[in-house]
N, C-alpha and C. Protein backbone atom coordinates (compact mmCIF):
# COMPACT_ATOMS: atom_id res chain seq x y z
N MET A 1 0.83 -1.19 0.00
CA MET A 1 0.00 0.00 0.00
C MET A 1 0.87 1.24 0.00
N PRO A 2 0.45 2.26 -0.72
CA PRO A 2 1.21 3.51 -0.69
C PRO A 2 1.16 4.11 0.72
N ALA A 3 2.23 4.79 1.08
CA ALA A 3 2.36 5.33 2.43
C ALA A 3 1.29 6.36 2.75
N ASP A 4 0.83 7.12 1.74
CA ASP A 4 -0.11 8.19 2.05
C ASP A 4 -1.52 7.70 2.36
N THR A 5 -1.83 6.42 2.14
CA THR A 5 -3.17 5.90 2.46
C THR A 5 -3.34 5.73 3.96
N HIS A 6 -2.25 5.72 4.73
CA HIS A 6 -2.33 5.57 6.19
C HIS A 6 -2.27 6.91 6.92
N ARG A 7 -2.29 7.97 6.19
CA ARG A 7 -2.25 9.28 6.83
C ARG A 7 -3.53 9.54 7.59
N ARG A 8 -3.38 10.23 8.69
CA ARG A 8 -4.54 10.63 9.47
C ARG A 8 -5.13 11.91 8.88
N ALA A 9 -6.40 12.09 9.08
CA ALA A 9 -7.03 13.35 8.69
C ALA A 9 -6.46 14.45 9.57
N PRO A 10 -6.31 15.63 9.03
CA PRO A 10 -5.78 16.72 9.86
C PRO A 10 -6.67 16.93 11.08
N ARG A 11 -6.05 17.22 12.20
CA ARG A 11 -6.78 17.45 13.44
C ARG A 11 -7.52 18.78 13.36
N ASP A 12 -8.74 18.82 13.84
CA ASP A 12 -9.56 20.03 13.86
C ASP A 12 -9.15 20.85 15.08
N THR A 13 -8.12 21.68 14.91
CA THR A 13 -7.57 22.42 16.05
C THR A 13 -8.51 23.50 16.57
N LEU A 14 -9.41 24.01 15.73
CA LEU A 14 -10.36 25.01 16.22
C LEU A 14 -11.37 24.39 17.19
N LEU A 15 -11.85 23.19 16.86
CA LEU A 15 -12.82 22.53 17.71
C LEU A 15 -12.16 21.76 18.85
N HIS A 16 -10.98 21.22 18.58
CA HIS A 16 -10.29 20.39 19.58
C HIS A 16 -8.84 20.85 19.74
N PRO A 17 -8.63 22.05 20.29
CA PRO A 17 -7.25 22.52 20.44
C PRO A 17 -6.48 21.62 21.40
N GLY A 18 -5.23 21.38 21.06
CA GLY A 18 -4.38 20.54 21.90
C GLY A 18 -3.44 21.34 22.78
N GLN A 19 -3.36 22.63 22.53
CA GLN A 19 -2.52 23.51 23.33
C GLN A 19 -3.08 24.93 23.26
N GLN A 20 -2.64 25.76 24.19
CA GLN A 20 -3.18 27.12 24.27
C GLN A 20 -3.03 27.87 22.95
N ALA A 21 -1.92 27.73 22.28
CA ALA A 21 -1.67 28.46 21.03
C ALA A 21 -2.70 28.12 19.95
N GLU A 22 -3.47 27.06 20.13
CA GLU A 22 -4.49 26.68 19.15
C GLU A 22 -5.89 27.19 19.51
N PHE A 23 -6.06 27.75 20.71
CA PHE A 23 -7.36 28.31 21.09
C PHE A 23 -7.68 29.48 20.16
N LEU A 24 -8.90 29.54 19.67
CA LEU A 24 -9.32 30.63 18.81
C LEU A 24 -9.13 31.98 19.51
N LEU A 25 -9.54 32.06 20.77
CA LEU A 25 -9.41 33.33 21.50
C LEU A 25 -7.95 33.76 21.61
N TYR A 26 -7.07 32.82 21.84
CA TYR A 26 -5.65 33.16 21.93
C TYR A 26 -5.11 33.64 20.58
N ARG A 27 -5.50 32.96 19.52
CA ARG A 27 -5.03 33.35 18.20
C ARG A 27 -5.54 34.74 17.81
N LEU A 28 -6.81 35.02 18.12
CA LEU A 28 -7.36 36.35 17.85
C LEU A 28 -6.68 37.41 18.73
N TYR A 29 -6.40 37.04 19.96
CA TYR A 29 -5.71 37.95 20.88
C TYR A 29 -4.33 38.31 20.34
N ARG A 30 -3.61 37.32 19.83
CA ARG A 30 -2.27 37.58 19.27
C ARG A 30 -2.35 38.54 18.09
N ILE A 31 -3.35 38.36 17.25
CA ILE A 31 -3.54 39.29 16.12
C ILE A 31 -3.83 40.68 16.67
N HIS A 32 -4.73 40.75 17.64
CA HIS A 32 -5.11 42.03 18.25
C HIS A 32 -3.89 42.73 18.85
N ILE A 33 -3.09 42.00 19.58
CA ILE A 33 -1.94 42.61 20.26
C ILE A 33 -0.87 43.01 19.25
N THR A 34 -0.52 42.14 18.32
CA THR A 34 0.57 42.46 17.40
C THR A 34 0.19 43.59 16.45
N ALA A 35 -0.98 43.53 15.87
CA ALA A 35 -1.42 44.62 14.98
C ALA A 35 -1.79 45.85 15.80
N GLY A 36 -2.34 45.62 16.99
CA GLY A 36 -2.73 46.72 17.85
C GLY A 36 -1.56 47.58 18.29
N ARG A 37 -0.39 47.00 18.38
CA ARG A 37 0.79 47.79 18.75
C ARG A 37 1.04 48.90 17.73
N GLN A 38 0.79 48.60 16.48
CA GLN A 38 0.94 49.63 15.44
C GLN A 38 -0.08 50.75 15.65
N VAL A 39 -1.30 50.37 16.01
CA VAL A 39 -2.34 51.36 16.26
C VAL A 39 -1.95 52.23 17.45
N VAL A 40 -1.47 51.61 18.51
CA VAL A 40 -1.06 52.35 19.70
C VAL A 40 0.06 53.33 19.36
N ARG A 41 1.04 52.87 18.61
CA ARG A 41 2.16 53.75 18.23
C ARG A 41 1.65 54.96 17.45
N LEU A 42 0.75 54.73 16.51
CA LEU A 42 0.18 55.84 15.74
C LEU A 42 -0.54 56.83 16.65
N CYS A 43 -1.43 56.30 17.49
CA CYS A 43 -2.24 57.16 18.35
C CYS A 43 -1.37 57.96 19.31
N GLU A 44 -0.39 57.28 19.91
CA GLU A 44 0.47 57.96 20.87
C GLU A 44 1.40 58.96 20.20
N SER A 45 2.05 58.54 19.12
CA SER A 45 3.06 59.40 18.51
C SER A 45 2.45 60.59 17.77
N LEU A 46 1.32 60.41 17.14
CA LEU A 46 0.72 61.50 16.36
C LEU A 46 -0.17 62.43 17.17
N HIS A 47 -0.86 61.85 18.17
CA HIS A 47 -1.86 62.67 18.87
C HIS A 47 -1.87 62.50 20.38
N GLY A 48 -0.94 61.74 20.93
CA GLY A 48 -0.89 61.56 22.38
C GLY A 48 -2.10 60.87 22.97
N LEU A 49 -2.70 59.97 22.19
CA LEU A 49 -3.88 59.24 22.65
C LEU A 49 -3.52 57.83 23.06
N THR A 50 -4.22 57.31 24.07
CA THR A 50 -4.11 55.91 24.42
C THR A 50 -5.03 55.10 23.51
N ARG A 51 -4.89 53.79 23.54
CA ARG A 51 -5.78 52.93 22.77
C ARG A 51 -7.23 53.14 23.17
N ARG A 52 -7.49 53.24 24.49
CA ARG A 52 -8.85 53.43 24.97
C ARG A 52 -9.40 54.78 24.51
N GLU A 53 -8.57 55.82 24.57
CA GLU A 53 -9.04 57.13 24.10
C GLU A 53 -9.40 57.09 22.63
N TRP A 54 -8.57 56.40 21.83
CA TRP A 54 -8.89 56.26 20.40
C TRP A 54 -10.20 55.50 20.23
N ARG A 55 -10.36 54.43 20.99
CA ARG A 55 -11.57 53.61 20.87
C ARG A 55 -12.82 54.44 21.15
N VAL A 56 -12.77 55.22 22.23
CA VAL A 56 -13.92 56.05 22.58
C VAL A 56 -14.12 57.15 21.54
N LEU A 57 -13.04 57.79 21.13
CA LEU A 57 -13.13 58.84 20.11
C LEU A 57 -13.73 58.30 18.82
N SER A 58 -13.28 57.13 18.41
CA SER A 58 -13.76 56.52 17.17
C SER A 58 -15.23 56.14 17.27
N PHE A 59 -15.62 55.53 18.39
CA PHE A 59 -17.03 55.18 18.56
C PHE A 59 -17.89 56.44 18.62
N LEU A 60 -17.37 57.49 19.26
CA LEU A 60 -18.12 58.73 19.34
C LEU A 60 -18.28 59.36 17.96
N ALA A 61 -17.26 59.24 17.12
CA ALA A 61 -17.36 59.78 15.75
C ALA A 61 -18.52 59.12 14.99
N GLU A 62 -18.79 57.88 15.31
CA GLU A 62 -19.86 57.14 14.63
C GLU A 62 -21.20 57.28 15.34
N ASN A 63 -21.20 57.83 16.56
CA ASN A 63 -22.42 57.88 17.37
C ASN A 63 -22.53 59.20 18.12
N GLU A 64 -22.29 60.30 17.44
CA GLU A 64 -22.33 61.59 18.13
C GLU A 64 -23.71 61.85 18.73
N GLY A 65 -23.69 62.53 19.87
CA GLY A 65 -24.93 62.86 20.55
C GLY A 65 -25.39 61.82 21.54
N VAL A 66 -24.61 60.75 21.73
CA VAL A 66 -25.01 59.71 22.68
C VAL A 66 -24.66 60.14 24.10
N LEU A 67 -25.30 59.50 25.04
CA LEU A 67 -24.96 59.67 26.45
C LEU A 67 -23.74 58.80 26.74
N SER A 68 -23.00 59.13 27.78
CA SER A 68 -21.79 58.35 28.10
C SER A 68 -22.13 56.90 28.39
N SER A 69 -23.28 56.64 29.01
CA SER A 69 -23.67 55.25 29.30
C SER A 69 -23.91 54.47 28.00
N GLU A 70 -24.53 55.13 27.02
CA GLU A 70 -24.74 54.47 25.71
C GLU A 70 -23.42 54.23 25.00
N LEU A 71 -22.53 55.21 25.09
CA LEU A 71 -21.21 55.07 24.47
C LEU A 71 -20.45 53.91 25.10
N ALA A 72 -20.51 53.79 26.42
CA ALA A 72 -19.83 52.69 27.12
C ALA A 72 -20.36 51.35 26.63
N GLU A 73 -21.66 51.26 26.49
CA GLU A 73 -22.26 50.00 26.05
C GLU A 73 -21.84 49.67 24.62
N ARG A 74 -21.89 50.64 23.73
CA ARG A 74 -21.54 50.40 22.33
C ARG A 74 -20.06 50.07 22.15
N ALA A 75 -19.21 50.70 22.97
CA ALA A 75 -17.76 50.46 22.87
C ALA A 75 -17.32 49.27 23.72
N MET A 76 -18.28 48.66 24.43
CA MET A 76 -18.00 47.53 25.31
C MET A 76 -16.96 47.89 26.38
N LEU A 77 -17.16 49.04 26.99
CA LEU A 77 -16.31 49.50 28.08
C LEU A 77 -17.19 49.68 29.32
N ASP A 78 -16.59 49.56 30.50
CA ASP A 78 -17.41 49.82 31.67
C ASP A 78 -17.61 51.32 31.82
N ARG A 79 -18.66 51.68 32.52
CA ARG A 79 -19.07 53.09 32.61
C ARG A 79 -18.02 53.95 33.30
N ALA A 80 -17.40 53.43 34.34
CA ALA A 80 -16.41 54.24 35.08
C ALA A 80 -15.21 54.56 34.19
N ARG A 81 -14.71 53.57 33.48
CA ARG A 81 -13.56 53.82 32.59
C ARG A 81 -13.94 54.74 31.43
N THR A 82 -15.16 54.57 30.94
CA THR A 82 -15.62 55.44 29.87
C THR A 82 -15.70 56.88 30.36
N SER A 83 -16.22 57.07 31.55
CA SER A 83 -16.33 58.41 32.12
C SER A 83 -14.94 59.04 32.28
N ARG A 84 -13.98 58.28 32.80
CA ARG A 84 -12.61 58.79 32.95
C ARG A 84 -12.01 59.13 31.59
N THR A 85 -12.24 58.28 30.61
CA THR A 85 -11.70 58.51 29.27
C THR A 85 -12.33 59.75 28.65
N LEU A 86 -13.63 59.92 28.83
CA LEU A 86 -14.30 61.11 28.31
C LEU A 86 -13.76 62.37 28.98
N THR A 87 -13.47 62.29 30.26
CA THR A 87 -12.89 63.44 30.96
C THR A 87 -11.52 63.79 30.36
N LEU A 88 -10.71 62.78 30.11
CA LEU A 88 -9.39 63.02 29.50
C LEU A 88 -9.53 63.62 28.10
N LEU A 89 -10.46 63.09 27.32
CA LEU A 89 -10.68 63.62 25.98
C LEU A 89 -11.20 65.06 26.03
N ALA A 90 -12.02 65.37 27.02
CA ALA A 90 -12.52 66.74 27.18
C ALA A 90 -11.36 67.67 27.57
N GLU A 91 -10.47 67.19 28.45
CA GLU A 91 -9.31 67.99 28.84
C GLU A 91 -8.40 68.27 27.65
N LYS A 92 -8.35 67.32 26.72
CA LYS A 92 -7.55 67.49 25.50
C LYS A 92 -8.32 68.27 24.44
N LYS A 93 -9.53 68.68 24.78
CA LYS A 93 -10.40 69.47 23.91
C LYS A 93 -10.78 68.72 22.62
N LEU A 94 -10.93 67.39 22.74
CA LEU A 94 -11.30 66.57 21.59
C LEU A 94 -12.79 66.24 21.57
N ILE A 95 -13.44 66.42 22.71
CA ILE A 95 -14.89 66.20 22.77
C ILE A 95 -15.55 67.36 23.47
N GLU A 96 -16.86 67.44 23.28
CA GLU A 96 -17.68 68.44 23.96
C GLU A 96 -18.84 67.72 24.62
N ARG A 97 -19.14 68.16 25.83
CA ARG A 97 -20.31 67.66 26.55
C ARG A 97 -21.39 68.73 26.46
N ARG A 98 -22.56 68.33 25.97
CA ARG A 98 -23.65 69.30 25.82
C ARG A 98 -24.90 68.75 26.52
N PRO A 99 -25.54 69.58 27.33
CA PRO A 99 -26.79 69.13 27.97
C PRO A 99 -27.82 68.76 26.90
N LYS A 100 -28.55 67.71 27.19
CA LYS A 100 -29.61 67.27 26.28
C LYS A 100 -30.72 68.33 26.30
N PRO A 101 -31.16 68.79 25.12
CA PRO A 101 -32.13 69.89 25.08
C PRO A 101 -33.41 69.67 25.89
N ASN A 102 -33.95 68.46 25.86
CA ASN A 102 -35.22 68.21 26.54
C ASN A 102 -35.05 67.71 27.98
N ASP A 103 -33.80 67.44 28.40
CA ASP A 103 -33.53 67.02 29.78
C ASP A 103 -32.11 67.44 30.12
N ARG A 104 -31.96 68.60 30.70
CA ARG A 104 -30.65 69.18 30.93
C ARG A 104 -29.82 68.41 31.96
N ARG A 105 -30.44 67.44 32.63
CA ARG A 105 -29.67 66.61 33.57
C ARG A 105 -28.80 65.60 32.82
N GLU A 106 -29.17 65.27 31.60
CA GLU A 106 -28.40 64.33 30.79
C GLU A 106 -27.48 65.09 29.85
N VAL A 107 -26.29 64.53 29.64
CA VAL A 107 -25.29 65.20 28.82
C VAL A 107 -24.95 64.32 27.62
N GLN A 108 -25.03 64.92 26.45
CA GLN A 108 -24.68 64.21 25.22
C GLN A 108 -23.23 64.51 24.85
N MET A 109 -22.61 63.56 24.18
CA MET A 109 -21.20 63.68 23.80
C MET A 109 -21.06 63.94 22.31
N TYR A 110 -20.17 64.86 21.96
CA TYR A 110 -19.88 65.21 20.57
C TYR A 110 -18.39 65.39 20.40
N LEU A 111 -17.90 65.11 19.21
CA LEU A 111 -16.51 65.44 18.91
C LEU A 111 -16.42 66.95 18.70
N SER A 112 -15.33 67.52 19.17
CA SER A 112 -15.05 68.93 18.87
C SER A 112 -14.45 69.00 17.47
N GLU A 113 -14.19 70.19 16.99
CA GLU A 113 -13.51 70.32 15.68
C GLU A 113 -12.16 69.63 15.72
N ALA A 114 -11.44 69.82 16.84
CA ALA A 114 -10.13 69.16 16.98
C ALA A 114 -10.30 67.64 17.02
N GLY A 115 -11.36 67.17 17.68
CA GLY A 115 -11.64 65.73 17.73
C GLY A 115 -11.90 65.15 16.35
N HIS A 116 -12.64 65.90 15.54
CA HIS A 116 -12.88 65.47 14.15
C HIS A 116 -11.58 65.42 13.36
N ARG A 117 -10.72 66.40 13.56
CA ARG A 117 -9.43 66.41 12.84
C ARG A 117 -8.58 65.20 13.24
N VAL A 118 -8.52 64.91 14.55
CA VAL A 118 -7.75 63.76 15.02
C VAL A 118 -8.33 62.47 14.44
N HIS A 119 -9.64 62.32 14.51
CA HIS A 119 -10.28 61.12 13.96
C HIS A 119 -10.01 61.00 12.46
N ASP A 120 -10.17 62.11 11.75
CA ASP A 120 -9.97 62.07 10.29
C ASP A 120 -8.52 61.79 9.91
N ASP A 121 -7.58 62.11 10.79
CA ASP A 121 -6.17 61.80 10.54
C ASP A 121 -5.88 60.33 10.85
N LEU A 122 -6.39 59.84 11.98
CA LEU A 122 -6.06 58.48 12.41
C LEU A 122 -6.83 57.39 11.67
N PHE A 123 -8.12 57.64 11.39
CA PHE A 123 -8.95 56.57 10.83
C PHE A 123 -8.35 55.96 9.56
N PRO A 124 -7.94 56.73 8.56
CA PRO A 124 -7.39 56.08 7.36
C PRO A 124 -6.08 55.34 7.64
N ARG A 125 -5.31 55.80 8.59
CA ARG A 125 -4.06 55.11 8.94
C ARG A 125 -4.35 53.76 9.59
N ILE A 126 -5.34 53.74 10.46
CA ILE A 126 -5.70 52.49 11.12
C ILE A 126 -6.42 51.56 10.15
N ARG A 127 -7.21 52.14 9.24
CA ARG A 127 -7.83 51.32 8.19
C ARG A 127 -6.76 50.65 7.34
N ALA A 128 -5.64 51.34 7.09
CA ALA A 128 -4.55 50.75 6.30
C ALA A 128 -3.93 49.56 7.02
N ILE A 129 -3.84 49.62 8.35
CA ILE A 129 -3.35 48.48 9.12
C ILE A 129 -4.30 47.30 8.94
N ASN A 130 -5.60 47.57 9.04
CA ASN A 130 -6.61 46.53 8.83
C ASN A 130 -6.48 45.93 7.43
N GLN A 131 -6.32 46.79 6.43
CA GLN A 131 -6.20 46.31 5.06
C GLN A 131 -4.96 45.45 4.89
N ALA A 132 -3.85 45.84 5.53
CA ALA A 132 -2.62 45.06 5.43
C ALA A 132 -2.79 43.66 6.01
N LEU A 133 -3.62 43.54 7.03
CA LEU A 133 -3.85 42.23 7.65
C LEU A 133 -4.55 41.26 6.70
N VAL A 134 -5.43 41.77 5.85
CA VAL A 134 -6.25 40.88 5.03
C VAL A 134 -5.95 40.94 3.54
N GLU A 135 -4.97 41.76 3.14
CA GLU A 135 -4.75 41.96 1.70
C GLU A 135 -4.26 40.72 0.97
N GLU A 136 -3.67 39.78 1.67
CA GLU A 136 -3.21 38.56 0.99
C GLU A 136 -4.33 37.56 0.77
N LEU A 137 -5.49 37.81 1.35
CA LEU A 137 -6.65 36.95 1.12
C LEU A 137 -7.34 37.39 -0.16
N SER A 138 -7.89 36.43 -0.88
CA SER A 138 -8.67 36.76 -2.07
C SER A 138 -9.97 37.42 -1.64
N ALA A 139 -10.67 38.03 -2.58
CA ALA A 139 -11.97 38.64 -2.28
C ALA A 139 -12.93 37.60 -1.71
N ALA A 140 -12.91 36.40 -2.28
CA ALA A 140 -13.79 35.33 -1.79
C ALA A 140 -13.40 34.91 -0.36
N GLU A 141 -12.11 34.85 -0.09
CA GLU A 141 -11.66 34.49 1.26
C GLU A 141 -12.04 35.57 2.27
N ARG A 142 -11.91 36.85 1.86
CA ARG A 142 -12.30 37.94 2.76
C ARG A 142 -13.80 37.88 3.04
N ALA A 143 -14.60 37.63 2.01
CA ALA A 143 -16.05 37.53 2.20
C ALA A 143 -16.40 36.37 3.12
N ALA A 144 -15.72 35.23 2.93
CA ALA A 144 -15.97 34.07 3.78
C ALA A 144 -15.53 34.35 5.22
N LEU A 145 -14.37 34.99 5.39
CA LEU A 145 -13.89 35.33 6.73
C LEU A 145 -14.86 36.29 7.40
N ASP A 146 -15.32 37.28 6.67
CA ASP A 146 -16.27 38.25 7.22
C ASP A 146 -17.54 37.55 7.69
N GLN A 147 -18.02 36.63 6.89
CA GLN A 147 -19.23 35.88 7.25
C GLN A 147 -18.96 35.01 8.48
N MET A 148 -17.82 34.33 8.50
CA MET A 148 -17.49 33.46 9.64
C MET A 148 -17.31 34.25 10.93
N VAL A 149 -16.66 35.39 10.84
CA VAL A 149 -16.48 36.23 12.03
C VAL A 149 -17.85 36.68 12.54
N GLY A 150 -18.75 36.99 11.65
CA GLY A 150 -20.11 37.36 12.06
C GLY A 150 -20.81 36.24 12.80
N VAL A 151 -20.66 35.01 12.30
CA VAL A 151 -21.26 33.85 12.97
C VAL A 151 -20.66 33.68 14.37
N ILE A 152 -19.34 33.77 14.45
CA ILE A 152 -18.67 33.60 15.74
C ILE A 152 -19.07 34.72 16.70
N GLN A 153 -19.18 35.96 16.19
CA GLN A 153 -19.59 37.07 17.06
C GLN A 153 -21.00 36.87 17.59
N ARG A 154 -21.91 36.42 16.73
CA ARG A 154 -23.28 36.18 17.19
C ARG A 154 -23.30 35.08 18.25
N ARG A 155 -22.47 34.06 18.08
CA ARG A 155 -22.39 32.98 19.06
C ARG A 155 -21.81 33.50 20.38
N ALA A 156 -20.78 34.34 20.31
CA ALA A 156 -20.20 34.92 21.52
C ALA A 156 -21.22 35.80 22.23
N ASP A 157 -21.97 36.60 21.45
CA ASP A 157 -23.01 37.45 22.04
C ASP A 157 -24.06 36.59 22.75
N ALA A 158 -24.46 35.49 22.13
CA ALA A 158 -25.45 34.60 22.72
C ALA A 158 -24.90 33.96 24.00
N MET A 159 -23.63 33.60 23.98
CA MET A 159 -23.00 33.01 25.17
C MET A 159 -22.96 34.04 26.30
N LEU A 160 -22.65 35.28 25.98
CA LEU A 160 -22.59 36.34 26.99
C LEU A 160 -23.98 36.62 27.56
N ALA A 161 -24.97 36.62 26.69
CA ALA A 161 -26.34 36.89 27.14
C ALA A 161 -26.80 35.84 28.14
N GLY A 162 -26.32 34.62 27.98
CA GLY A 162 -26.72 33.54 28.88
C GLY A 162 -25.76 33.32 30.03
N ALA A 163 -24.72 34.16 30.12
CA ALA A 163 -23.70 33.98 31.15
C ALA A 163 -24.19 34.47 32.50
N ALA A 164 -23.56 33.95 33.53
CA ALA A 164 -23.84 34.42 34.89
C ALA A 164 -23.45 35.89 34.99
N PRO A 165 -24.09 36.65 35.85
CA PRO A 165 -23.80 38.08 35.96
C PRO A 165 -22.32 38.41 36.15
N LEU A 166 -21.58 37.65 36.91
CA LEU A 166 -20.17 37.94 37.12
C LEU A 166 -19.37 37.87 35.83
N ALA A 167 -19.79 37.05 34.91
CA ALA A 167 -19.08 36.94 33.63
C ALA A 167 -19.28 38.18 32.78
N ARG A 168 -20.31 38.97 33.11
CA ARG A 168 -20.60 40.17 32.32
C ARG A 168 -20.10 41.44 32.99
N ASP A 169 -19.55 41.34 34.19
CA ASP A 169 -19.23 42.54 34.95
C ASP A 169 -18.22 43.47 34.30
N ASN A 170 -17.20 42.96 33.67
CA ASN A 170 -16.18 43.86 33.16
C ASN A 170 -15.87 43.58 31.70
N PRO A 171 -16.75 44.01 30.79
CA PRO A 171 -16.49 43.76 29.37
C PRO A 171 -15.33 44.60 28.84
N ASP A 172 -14.76 45.46 29.68
CA ASP A 172 -13.65 46.30 29.26
C ASP A 172 -12.34 45.53 29.19
N ASP A 173 -12.28 44.39 29.84
CA ASP A 173 -11.04 43.61 29.80
C ASP A 173 -10.83 43.12 28.39
N GLU A 174 -9.77 43.61 27.78
CA GLU A 174 -9.47 43.21 26.40
C GLU A 174 -8.72 41.90 26.44
N PRO A 175 -9.05 40.99 25.51
CA PRO A 175 -8.38 39.69 25.50
C PRO A 175 -6.90 39.81 25.25
């Protein structure tokens, strides 16, 4: 018999990881950390922003007029850290807090002109990092990956929704 007829089927490392380096979460974390370092360098060197400040600024650019609690939820940050980050961004004059017209006790968040300039400078640079990560994939592979990531995200969301309260306490912890 030819030698290749006794080969084993490749092990399904995503479903049955044999070591930590094969865990999906670990592999995604490594991508996040290694590519994220480039994002951090850009944010810090060009505008003196931390990763969290960029995250809040970017989410605010897409959701201007939200309350800080809504922003925290959308950015998956805890409220206390979001509040501290918004204070830092306000001190840097990158955001504006405006009382809600129909309820002056609530404050809506907006990017300032300077905040828009910072976002408009950083966003295309960070988009280029994202593009560099996937440019070696074909259009069909990118479409398939996008679809698969969506499936995995929906599954993670469903798992979180059914999790015990303690598992949901600090969504700000980045993997």
